[in-house]
């Protein structure tokens, strides 16, 4: 089943906090694609917003960059309300920048969100295309349309958004090419 994928990155997460987080939550299940971590982080389903179904696909901690990474699958919508609630209710995420890049399941829209302590700092469409345009990338008869090009367009937009958020909210000095 095709899903909408949301790639979440939580910044300034030191190794000792990650170790405690991994002890307190079902991270091993999350690494293997099943877990109750989503309901552990936000137990009250009304705080999930309009999301009827969501599952974790991946979890990873990057000790060199001090970042946590989640990939979440939903039917259509990005889990914005869930992320807001997790960022404000979970002490591990307190005062932490969280970015979320979402690729809609039909690949027509890529959106970006930046959140800190439950406050939405950024929420914007990063890239979009019509269904007709996307279908050309999947049609072998369309020689000018390559799936790698489509992926690069989406991920370049995500990369620019993340760089801007890092520069602005973390005061990092990166080039935004």
N, C-alpha and C. Protein backbone atom coordinates (compact mmCIF):
# COMPACT_ATOMS: atom_id res chain seq x y z
N UNK A 1 0.84 -1.19 0.00
CA UNK A 1 0.00 0.00 0.00
C UNK A 1 0.88 1.24 0.00
N UNK A 2 0.58 2.17 -0.88
CA UNK A 2 1.28 3.44 -0.88
C UNK A 2 0.83 4.24 0.33
N UNK A 3 1.78 4.95 0.92
CA UNK A 3 1.47 5.77 2.09
C UNK A 3 2.10 7.14 1.93
N UNK A 4 1.58 8.06 2.69
CA UNK A 4 2.23 9.35 2.84
C UNK A 4 3.34 9.15 3.86
N UNK A 5 4.54 9.58 3.53
CA UNK A 5 5.69 9.40 4.41
C UNK A 5 6.13 10.73 4.98
N UNK A 6 6.29 10.74 6.30
CA UNK A 6 6.79 11.92 6.99
C UNK A 6 8.12 11.58 7.63
N UNK A 7 9.13 12.36 7.28
CA UNK A 7 10.48 12.16 7.78
C UNK A 7 10.73 13.24 8.84
N UNK A 8 10.90 12.79 10.08
CA UNK A 8 11.02 13.69 11.23
C UNK A 8 12.44 13.66 11.75
N UNK A 9 12.96 14.85 12.05
CA UNK A 9 14.31 14.98 12.58
C UNK A 9 14.26 15.87 13.81
N UNK A 10 14.80 15.35 14.92
CA UNK A 10 14.81 16.09 16.18
C UNK A 10 16.26 16.43 16.49
N UNK A 11 16.55 17.71 16.67
CA UNK A 11 17.91 18.22 16.79
C UNK A 11 18.37 18.33 18.24
N UNK A 12 19.69 18.44 18.39
CA UNK A 12 20.33 18.67 19.70
C UNK A 12 19.95 17.61 20.72
N UNK A 13 20.07 16.37 20.32
CA UNK A 13 19.71 15.23 21.15
C UNK A 13 21.01 14.51 21.54
N UNK A 14 21.57 14.83 22.71
CA UNK A 14 22.86 14.24 23.09
C UNK A 14 22.76 12.72 23.32
N UNK A 15 23.87 12.02 23.18
CA UNK A 15 23.86 10.55 23.32
C UNK A 15 23.28 10.04 24.63
N UNK A 16 23.55 10.71 25.74
CA UNK A 16 23.00 10.23 27.02
C UNK A 16 21.47 10.34 27.05
N UNK A 17 20.93 11.42 26.46
CA UNK A 17 19.47 11.56 26.37
C UNK A 17 18.89 10.51 25.43
N UNK A 18 19.60 10.22 24.34
CA UNK A 18 19.13 9.19 23.40
C UNK A 18 19.12 7.81 24.08
N UNK A 19 20.11 7.55 24.88
CA UNK A 19 20.17 6.28 25.60
C UNK A 19 18.98 6.17 26.56
N UNK A 20 18.69 7.23 27.30
CA UNK A 20 17.54 7.24 28.20
C UNK A 20 16.23 7.10 27.42
N UNK A 21 16.12 7.81 26.31
CA UNK A 21 14.93 7.74 25.47
C UNK A 21 14.72 6.31 24.98
N UNK A 22 15.78 5.67 24.52
CA UNK A 22 15.69 4.31 24.02
C UNK A 22 15.36 3.31 25.12
N UNK A 23 15.70 3.64 26.35
CA UNK A 23 15.33 2.79 27.47
C UNK A 23 13.85 2.97 27.82
N UNK A 24 13.37 4.21 27.76
CA UNK A 24 12.00 4.51 28.17
C UNK A 24 10.94 4.15 27.13
N UNK A 25 11.32 4.09 25.87
CA UNK A 25 10.34 3.86 24.80
C UNK A 25 10.70 2.61 23.99
N UNK A 26 9.72 2.11 23.26
CA UNK A 26 9.87 0.88 22.46
C UNK A 26 10.64 1.17 21.17
N UNK A 27 11.91 1.52 21.32
CA UNK A 27 12.73 1.89 20.17
C UNK A 27 13.11 0.67 19.35
N UNK A 28 13.37 -0.45 19.98
CA UNK A 28 13.75 -1.64 19.22
C UNK A 28 12.62 -2.04 18.27
N UNK A 29 11.39 -2.00 18.75
CA UNK A 29 10.25 -2.28 17.89
C UNK A 29 10.14 -1.26 16.77
N UNK A 30 10.45 0.00 17.08
CA UNK A 30 10.41 1.04 16.05
C UNK A 30 11.46 0.80 14.98
N UNK A 31 12.64 0.34 15.38
CA UNK A 31 13.70 0.04 14.40
C UNK A 31 13.29 -1.09 13.47
N UNK A 32 12.45 -1.97 13.96
CA UNK A 32 12.02 -3.11 13.17
C UNK A 32 10.68 -2.87 12.46
N UNK A 33 10.13 -1.65 12.59
CA UNK A 33 8.94 -1.29 11.86
C UNK A 33 7.63 -1.53 12.59
N UNK A 34 7.68 -1.93 13.84
CA UNK A 34 6.46 -2.06 14.63
C UNK A 34 6.76 -1.52 16.02
N UNK A 35 5.83 -0.89 16.62
CA UNK A 35 6.08 -0.32 17.93
C UNK A 35 4.84 0.39 18.44
N UNK A 36 4.78 0.55 19.73
CA UNK A 36 3.75 1.37 20.35
C UNK A 36 4.29 2.76 20.69
N UNK A 37 5.45 3.09 20.15
CA UNK A 37 6.10 4.36 20.50
C UNK A 37 5.23 5.57 20.18
N UNK A 38 4.44 5.49 19.11
CA UNK A 38 3.60 6.64 18.74
C UNK A 38 2.56 6.92 19.80
N UNK A 39 1.92 5.87 20.32
CA UNK A 39 0.94 6.07 21.39
C UNK A 39 1.62 6.26 22.74
N UNK A 40 2.86 5.81 22.88
CA UNK A 40 3.59 6.09 24.11
C UNK A 40 3.93 7.59 24.18
N UNK A 41 4.29 8.17 23.06
CA UNK A 41 4.64 9.59 23.02
C UNK A 41 3.41 10.49 23.13
N UNK A 42 2.32 10.10 22.47
CA UNK A 42 1.07 10.88 22.51
C UNK A 42 -0.06 9.88 22.76
N UNK A 43 -0.34 9.58 24.04
CA UNK A 43 -1.30 8.51 24.35
C UNK A 43 -2.76 8.84 24.05
N UNK A 44 -3.14 10.10 24.05
CA UNK A 44 -4.54 10.44 23.84
C UNK A 44 -4.81 10.65 22.35
N UNK A 45 -5.53 9.71 21.75
CA UNK A 45 -5.77 9.74 20.31
C UNK A 45 -6.42 11.03 19.80
N UNK A 46 -7.28 11.71 20.58
CA UNK A 46 -7.81 12.98 20.08
C UNK A 46 -6.72 14.02 19.82
N UNK A 47 -5.54 13.86 20.44
CA UNK A 47 -4.43 14.79 20.21
C UNK A 47 -3.65 14.47 18.95
N UNK A 48 -4.08 13.45 18.22
CA UNK A 48 -3.42 13.09 16.97
C UNK A 48 -3.98 13.90 15.80
N UNK A 49 -5.03 14.66 16.00
CA UNK A 49 -5.66 15.39 14.91
C UNK A 49 -6.55 14.48 14.10
N UNK A 50 -6.59 14.72 12.80
CA UNK A 50 -7.47 13.97 11.90
C UNK A 50 -6.84 12.68 11.37
N UNK A 51 -5.70 12.30 11.91
CA UNK A 51 -5.01 11.10 11.45
C UNK A 51 -5.78 9.87 11.94
N UNK A 52 -6.30 9.09 11.01
CA UNK A 52 -7.04 7.88 11.37
C UNK A 52 -6.14 6.68 11.55
N UNK A 53 -4.99 6.72 10.90
CA UNK A 53 -4.07 5.60 10.94
C UNK A 53 -2.65 6.13 10.77
N UNK A 54 -1.75 5.63 11.59
CA UNK A 54 -0.35 6.03 11.50
C UNK A 54 0.49 4.89 12.06
N UNK A 55 1.64 4.65 11.40
CA UNK A 55 2.58 3.66 11.92
C UNK A 55 3.99 4.15 11.71
N UNK A 56 4.88 3.63 12.53
CA UNK A 56 6.28 3.99 12.40
C UNK A 56 6.94 3.02 11.44
N UNK A 57 7.71 3.57 10.53
CA UNK A 57 8.44 2.73 9.57
C UNK A 57 9.89 2.57 10.00
N UNK A 58 10.46 3.63 10.59
CA UNK A 58 11.88 3.58 10.90
C UNK A 58 12.20 4.52 12.06
N UNK A 59 13.23 4.14 12.81
CA UNK A 59 13.77 4.97 13.88
C UNK A 59 15.29 4.85 13.81
N UNK A 60 15.96 5.97 13.99
CA UNK A 60 17.42 5.94 13.99
C UNK A 60 17.94 7.10 14.84
N UNK A 61 19.03 6.85 15.54
CA UNK A 61 19.72 7.92 16.26
C UNK A 61 21.08 8.12 15.62
N UNK A 62 21.42 9.38 15.33
CA UNK A 62 22.72 9.72 14.77
C UNK A 62 23.55 10.36 15.87
N UNK A 63 24.50 9.61 16.46
CA UNK A 63 25.29 10.16 17.56
C UNK A 63 26.24 11.27 17.12
N UNK A 64 26.65 11.29 15.86
CA UNK A 64 27.57 12.33 15.39
C UNK A 64 26.85 13.65 15.19
N UNK A 65 25.63 13.59 14.69
CA UNK A 65 24.85 14.81 14.48
C UNK A 65 23.93 15.14 15.64
N UNK A 66 23.88 14.24 16.64
CA UNK A 66 23.00 14.41 17.81
C UNK A 66 21.55 14.63 17.37
N UNK A 67 21.09 13.75 16.47
CA UNK A 67 19.72 13.87 15.97
C UNK A 67 19.00 12.53 16.04
N UNK A 68 17.70 12.59 16.34
CA UNK A 68 16.81 11.44 16.24
C UNK A 68 16.06 11.55 14.92
N UNK A 69 15.82 10.40 14.29
CA UNK A 69 15.10 10.37 13.03
C UNK A 69 13.97 9.34 13.11
N UNK A 70 12.77 9.77 12.71
CA UNK A 70 11.62 8.88 12.61
C UNK A 70 11.09 8.97 11.18
N UNK A 71 10.62 7.87 10.65
CA UNK A 71 9.82 7.90 9.42
C UNK A 71 8.46 7.33 9.78
N UNK A 72 7.43 8.13 9.54
CA UNK A 72 6.06 7.73 9.86
C UNK A 72 5.24 7.60 8.59
N UNK A 73 4.35 6.64 8.58
CA UNK A 73 3.43 6.44 7.47
C UNK A 73 2.02 6.78 7.91
N UNK A 74 1.32 7.52 7.06
CA UNK A 74 -0.09 7.84 7.28
C UNK A 74 -0.82 7.59 5.97
N UNK A 75 -2.14 7.67 6.04
CA UNK A 75 -2.92 7.43 4.82
C UNK A 75 -2.76 8.59 3.83
N UNK A 76 -3.01 9.82 4.27
CA UNK A 76 -2.86 10.99 3.40
C UNK A 76 -2.16 12.15 4.08
N UNK A 77 -2.68 12.56 5.21
CA UNK A 77 -2.23 13.78 5.87
C UNK A 77 -0.96 13.57 6.67
N UNK A 78 -0.18 14.64 6.80
CA UNK A 78 0.99 14.64 7.67
C UNK A 78 0.52 14.66 9.12
N UNK A 79 1.24 14.03 10.03
CA UNK A 79 0.82 13.99 11.44
C UNK A 79 1.20 15.25 12.21
N UNK A 80 0.72 16.39 11.74
CA UNK A 80 1.07 17.68 12.34
C UNK A 80 0.63 17.80 13.79
N UNK A 81 -0.64 17.52 14.07
CA UNK A 81 -1.14 17.64 15.45
C UNK A 81 -0.41 16.66 16.38
N UNK A 82 -0.16 15.45 15.92
CA UNK A 82 0.57 14.46 16.72
C UNK A 82 1.96 15.01 17.06
N UNK A 83 2.64 15.57 16.06
CA UNK A 83 3.99 16.09 16.28
C UNK A 83 3.98 17.29 17.22
N UNK A 84 3.00 18.16 17.06
CA UNK A 84 2.88 19.29 17.99
C UNK A 84 2.74 18.79 19.42
N UNK A 85 1.86 17.82 19.61
CA UNK A 85 1.61 17.30 20.93
C UNK A 85 2.86 16.60 21.48
N UNK A 86 3.52 15.79 20.66
CA UNK A 86 4.73 15.10 21.10
C UNK A 86 5.82 16.11 21.48
N UNK A 87 5.91 17.19 20.72
CA UNK A 87 6.96 18.18 21.00
C UNK A 87 6.69 18.98 22.26
N UNK A 88 5.45 19.07 22.67
CA UNK A 88 5.13 19.83 23.87
C UNK A 88 4.94 18.95 25.10
N UNK A 89 4.58 17.69 24.93
CA UNK A 89 4.30 16.80 26.06
C UNK A 89 5.48 15.93 26.47
N UNK A 90 6.42 15.71 25.58
CA UNK A 90 7.53 14.81 25.84
C UNK A 90 8.72 15.61 26.33
N UNK A 91 9.15 15.37 27.56
CA UNK A 91 10.26 16.15 28.11
C UNK A 91 11.54 15.97 27.31
N UNK A 92 11.69 14.84 26.65
CA UNK A 92 12.88 14.63 25.82
C UNK A 92 12.95 15.62 24.66
N UNK A 93 11.79 16.12 24.22
CA UNK A 93 11.76 17.00 23.06
C UNK A 93 11.68 18.48 23.45
N UNK A 94 11.75 18.76 24.73
CA UNK A 94 11.65 20.13 25.22
C UNK A 94 12.80 20.98 24.67
N UNK A 95 12.45 22.17 24.18
CA UNK A 95 13.43 23.12 23.63
C UNK A 95 14.24 22.53 22.47
N UNK A 96 13.65 21.62 21.73
CA UNK A 96 14.33 20.99 20.60
C UNK A 96 13.62 21.37 19.30
N UNK A 97 14.42 21.76 18.31
CA UNK A 97 13.87 21.97 16.98
C UNK A 97 13.52 20.63 16.38
N UNK A 98 12.34 20.54 15.79
CA UNK A 98 11.89 19.33 15.09
C UNK A 98 11.46 19.75 13.70
N UNK A 99 12.02 19.09 12.69
CA UNK A 99 11.57 19.33 11.32
C UNK A 99 10.87 18.07 10.82
N UNK A 100 9.88 18.28 9.96
CA UNK A 100 9.17 17.17 9.36
C UNK A 100 8.97 17.49 7.87
N UNK A 101 9.46 16.60 7.04
CA UNK A 101 9.25 16.71 5.60
C UNK A 101 8.31 15.58 5.20
N UNK A 102 7.23 15.92 4.53
CA UNK A 102 6.21 14.94 4.18
C UNK A 102 6.05 14.86 2.67
N UNK A 103 6.13 13.63 2.17
CA UNK A 103 5.89 13.37 0.75
C UNK A 103 4.54 12.68 0.65
N UNK A 104 3.57 13.38 0.07
CA UNK A 104 2.22 12.82 -0.06
C UNK A 104 2.26 11.57 -0.92
N UNK A 105 1.40 10.63 -0.62
CA UNK A 105 1.48 9.31 -1.26
C UNK A 105 1.35 9.34 -2.78
N UNK A 106 0.68 10.30 -3.34
CA UNK A 106 0.61 10.38 -4.80
C UNK A 106 1.76 11.22 -5.38
N UNK A 107 2.65 11.64 -4.51
CA UNK A 107 3.87 12.38 -4.85
C UNK A 107 3.60 13.73 -5.51
N UNK A 108 2.42 14.28 -5.33
CA UNK A 108 2.11 15.57 -5.94
C UNK A 108 2.50 16.74 -5.03
N UNK A 109 2.69 16.48 -3.74
CA UNK A 109 3.00 17.55 -2.79
C UNK A 109 4.07 17.09 -1.81
N UNK A 110 5.04 17.98 -1.59
CA UNK A 110 6.04 17.79 -0.54
C UNK A 110 5.90 19.00 0.38
N UNK A 111 5.71 18.75 1.66
CA UNK A 111 5.54 19.86 2.59
C UNK A 111 6.61 19.79 3.68
N UNK A 112 6.84 20.94 4.29
CA UNK A 112 7.82 21.02 5.37
C UNK A 112 7.24 21.73 6.57
N UNK A 113 7.59 21.22 7.75
CA UNK A 113 7.12 21.80 9.01
C UNK A 113 8.31 21.89 9.95
N UNK A 114 8.38 22.98 10.68
CA UNK A 114 9.35 23.12 11.77
C UNK A 114 8.55 23.45 13.02
N UNK A 115 8.87 22.73 14.11
CA UNK A 115 8.12 22.86 15.36
C UNK A 115 9.11 22.92 16.52
N UNK A 116 8.75 23.67 17.54
CA UNK A 116 9.50 23.64 18.80
C UNK A 116 8.51 23.88 19.93
N UNK A 117 8.53 23.01 20.90
CA UNK A 117 7.67 23.13 22.09
C UNK A 117 6.20 23.32 21.73
N UNK A 118 5.73 22.60 20.74
CA UNK A 118 4.33 22.64 20.34
C UNK A 118 3.97 23.78 19.40
N UNK A 119 4.88 24.71 19.20
CA UNK A 119 4.61 25.86 18.34
C UNK A 119 5.10 25.56 16.92
N UNK A 120 4.21 25.78 15.95
CA UNK A 120 4.58 25.61 14.55
C UNK A 120 5.34 26.85 14.11
N UNK A 121 6.61 26.66 13.78
CA UNK A 121 7.46 27.76 13.34
C UNK A 121 7.39 27.96 11.82
N UNK A 122 7.25 26.86 11.10
CA UNK A 122 7.14 26.87 9.64
C UNK A 122 6.14 25.79 9.25
N UNK A 123 5.35 26.05 8.24
CA UNK A 123 4.45 25.04 7.67
C UNK A 123 4.17 25.47 6.24
N UNK A 124 4.87 24.82 5.30
CA UNK A 124 4.75 25.29 3.92
C UNK A 124 4.88 24.15 2.93
N UNK A 125 4.32 24.40 1.76
CA UNK A 125 4.51 23.50 0.62
C UNK A 125 5.89 23.78 0.07
N UNK A 126 6.70 22.72 -0.06
CA UNK A 126 8.06 22.87 -0.55
C UNK A 126 8.17 22.61 -2.05
N UNK A 127 7.28 21.77 -2.54
CA UNK A 127 7.31 21.36 -3.94
C UNK A 127 5.95 20.78 -4.29
N UNK A 128 5.48 21.03 -5.50
CA UNK A 128 4.23 20.41 -5.93
C UNK A 128 4.22 20.24 -7.44
N UNK A 129 3.40 19.31 -7.89
CA UNK A 129 3.23 19.01 -9.31
C UNK A 129 1.84 18.42 -9.49
N UNK A 130 1.35 18.48 -10.71
CA UNK A 130 0.04 17.92 -10.99
C UNK A 130 0.13 16.40 -11.08
N UNK A 131 -0.99 15.73 -10.92
CA UNK A 131 -1.05 14.27 -11.08
C UNK A 131 -0.61 13.86 -12.47
N UNK A 132 -1.02 14.66 -13.45
CA UNK A 132 -0.65 14.35 -14.84
C UNK A 132 0.86 14.40 -15.02
N UNK A 133 1.49 15.39 -14.42
CA UNK A 133 2.95 15.52 -14.52
C UNK A 133 3.65 14.34 -13.83
N UNK A 134 3.18 13.97 -12.66
CA UNK A 134 3.78 12.85 -11.93
C UNK A 134 3.63 11.55 -12.71
N UNK A 135 2.49 11.36 -13.33
CA UNK A 135 2.26 10.11 -14.08
C UNK A 135 3.26 9.94 -15.22
N UNK A 136 3.76 11.03 -15.78
CA UNK A 136 4.75 10.95 -16.86
C UNK A 136 6.05 10.29 -16.39
N UNK A 137 6.39 10.49 -15.12
CA UNK A 137 7.62 9.89 -14.58
C UNK A 137 7.50 8.37 -14.46
N UNK A 138 6.28 7.88 -14.39
CA UNK A 138 6.04 6.44 -14.26
C UNK A 138 5.70 5.77 -15.58
N UNK A 139 5.65 6.54 -16.64
CA UNK A 139 5.33 6.03 -17.97
C UNK A 139 6.63 5.78 -18.73
N UNK A 140 6.92 4.53 -19.04
CA UNK A 140 8.15 4.17 -19.74
C UNK A 140 8.24 4.79 -21.13
N UNK A 141 7.11 5.18 -21.71
CA UNK A 141 7.11 5.79 -23.04
C UNK A 141 7.57 7.25 -23.02
N UNK A 142 7.58 7.84 -21.85
CA UNK A 142 8.00 9.25 -21.70
C UNK A 142 9.51 9.29 -21.45
N UNK A 143 10.29 9.45 -22.51
CA UNK A 143 11.74 9.39 -22.41
C UNK A 143 12.35 10.55 -21.63
N UNK A 144 11.68 11.69 -21.61
CA UNK A 144 12.22 12.87 -20.94
C UNK A 144 11.94 12.89 -19.44
N UNK A 145 11.26 11.87 -18.96
CA UNK A 145 10.88 11.84 -17.55
C UNK A 145 11.50 10.61 -16.89
N UNK A 146 12.39 10.87 -15.94
CA UNK A 146 13.10 9.81 -15.23
C UNK A 146 12.74 9.87 -13.74
N UNK A 147 12.48 8.73 -13.14
CA UNK A 147 12.11 8.71 -11.71
C UNK A 147 13.19 9.31 -10.82
N UNK A 148 14.45 9.13 -11.19
CA UNK A 148 15.53 9.74 -10.40
C UNK A 148 15.42 11.26 -10.39
N UNK A 149 15.01 11.82 -11.50
CA UNK A 149 14.82 13.27 -11.58
C UNK A 149 13.70 13.70 -10.64
N UNK A 150 12.61 12.97 -10.62
CA UNK A 150 11.50 13.27 -9.71
C UNK A 150 11.97 13.20 -8.26
N UNK A 151 12.66 12.14 -7.89
CA UNK A 151 13.18 12.00 -6.52
C UNK A 151 14.11 13.16 -6.18
N UNK A 152 15.00 13.51 -7.10
CA UNK A 152 15.93 14.61 -6.84
C UNK A 152 15.22 15.93 -6.63
N UNK A 153 14.18 16.19 -7.41
CA UNK A 153 13.42 17.42 -7.23
C UNK A 153 12.81 17.50 -5.83
N UNK A 154 12.20 16.40 -5.40
CA UNK A 154 11.56 16.39 -4.08
C UNK A 154 12.60 16.52 -2.97
N UNK A 155 13.66 15.73 -3.04
CA UNK A 155 14.66 15.73 -1.96
C UNK A 155 15.51 17.00 -1.97
N UNK A 156 15.70 17.63 -3.11
CA UNK A 156 16.39 18.92 -3.14
C UNK A 156 15.57 19.98 -2.41
N UNK A 157 14.26 19.98 -2.63
CA UNK A 157 13.38 20.92 -1.93
C UNK A 157 13.41 20.67 -0.42
N UNK A 158 13.40 19.41 -0.03
CA UNK A 158 13.47 19.07 1.40
C UNK A 158 14.81 19.52 1.97
N UNK A 159 15.89 19.26 1.26
CA UNK A 159 17.22 19.66 1.74
C UNK A 159 17.33 21.16 1.95
N UNK A 160 16.80 21.94 1.01
CA UNK A 160 16.83 23.40 1.15
C UNK A 160 16.04 23.86 2.36
N UNK A 161 14.87 23.26 2.56
CA UNK A 161 14.03 23.62 3.71
C UNK A 161 14.76 23.31 5.01
N UNK A 162 15.32 22.13 5.12
CA UNK A 162 16.02 21.73 6.35
C UNK A 162 17.22 22.65 6.59
N UNK A 163 17.97 22.97 5.54
CA UNK A 163 19.11 23.88 5.70
C UNK A 163 18.69 25.24 6.22
N UNK A 164 17.60 25.77 5.66
CA UNK A 164 17.11 27.08 6.11
C UNK A 164 16.69 27.01 7.58
N UNK A 165 15.98 25.95 7.96
CA UNK A 165 15.55 25.80 9.35
C UNK A 165 16.76 25.69 10.28
N UNK A 166 17.77 24.93 9.88
CA UNK A 166 18.97 24.80 10.70
C UNK A 166 19.68 26.14 10.84
N UNK A 167 19.79 26.89 9.74
CA UNK A 167 20.45 28.20 9.79
C UNK A 167 19.69 29.17 10.69
N UNK A 168 18.38 29.18 10.52
CA UNK A 168 17.57 30.18 11.22
C UNK A 168 17.35 29.83 12.69
N UNK A 169 16.98 28.58 12.97
CA UNK A 169 16.58 28.22 14.33
C UNK A 169 17.73 27.65 15.16
N UNK A 170 18.76 27.14 14.51
CA UNK A 170 19.90 26.60 15.25
C UNK A 170 21.13 27.50 15.10
N UNK A 171 20.98 28.56 14.30
CA UNK A 171 22.04 29.52 14.06
C UNK A 171 23.30 28.84 13.54
N UNK A 172 23.11 27.91 12.62
CA UNK A 172 24.24 27.25 11.97
C UNK A 172 24.62 28.02 10.72
N UNK A 173 25.84 27.88 10.33
CA UNK A 173 26.35 28.58 9.15
C UNK A 173 26.53 27.60 8.01
N UNK A 174 25.46 27.32 7.29
CA UNK A 174 25.48 26.43 6.12
C UNK A 174 25.14 27.24 4.89
N UNK A 175 25.62 26.78 3.77
CA UNK A 175 25.23 27.39 2.51
C UNK A 175 23.92 26.77 2.07
N UNK A 176 23.02 27.57 1.59
CA UNK A 176 21.72 27.09 1.12
C UNK A 176 21.73 27.10 -0.40
N UNK A 177 22.37 26.10 -0.97
CA UNK A 177 22.47 26.01 -2.43
C UNK A 177 21.21 25.48 -3.04
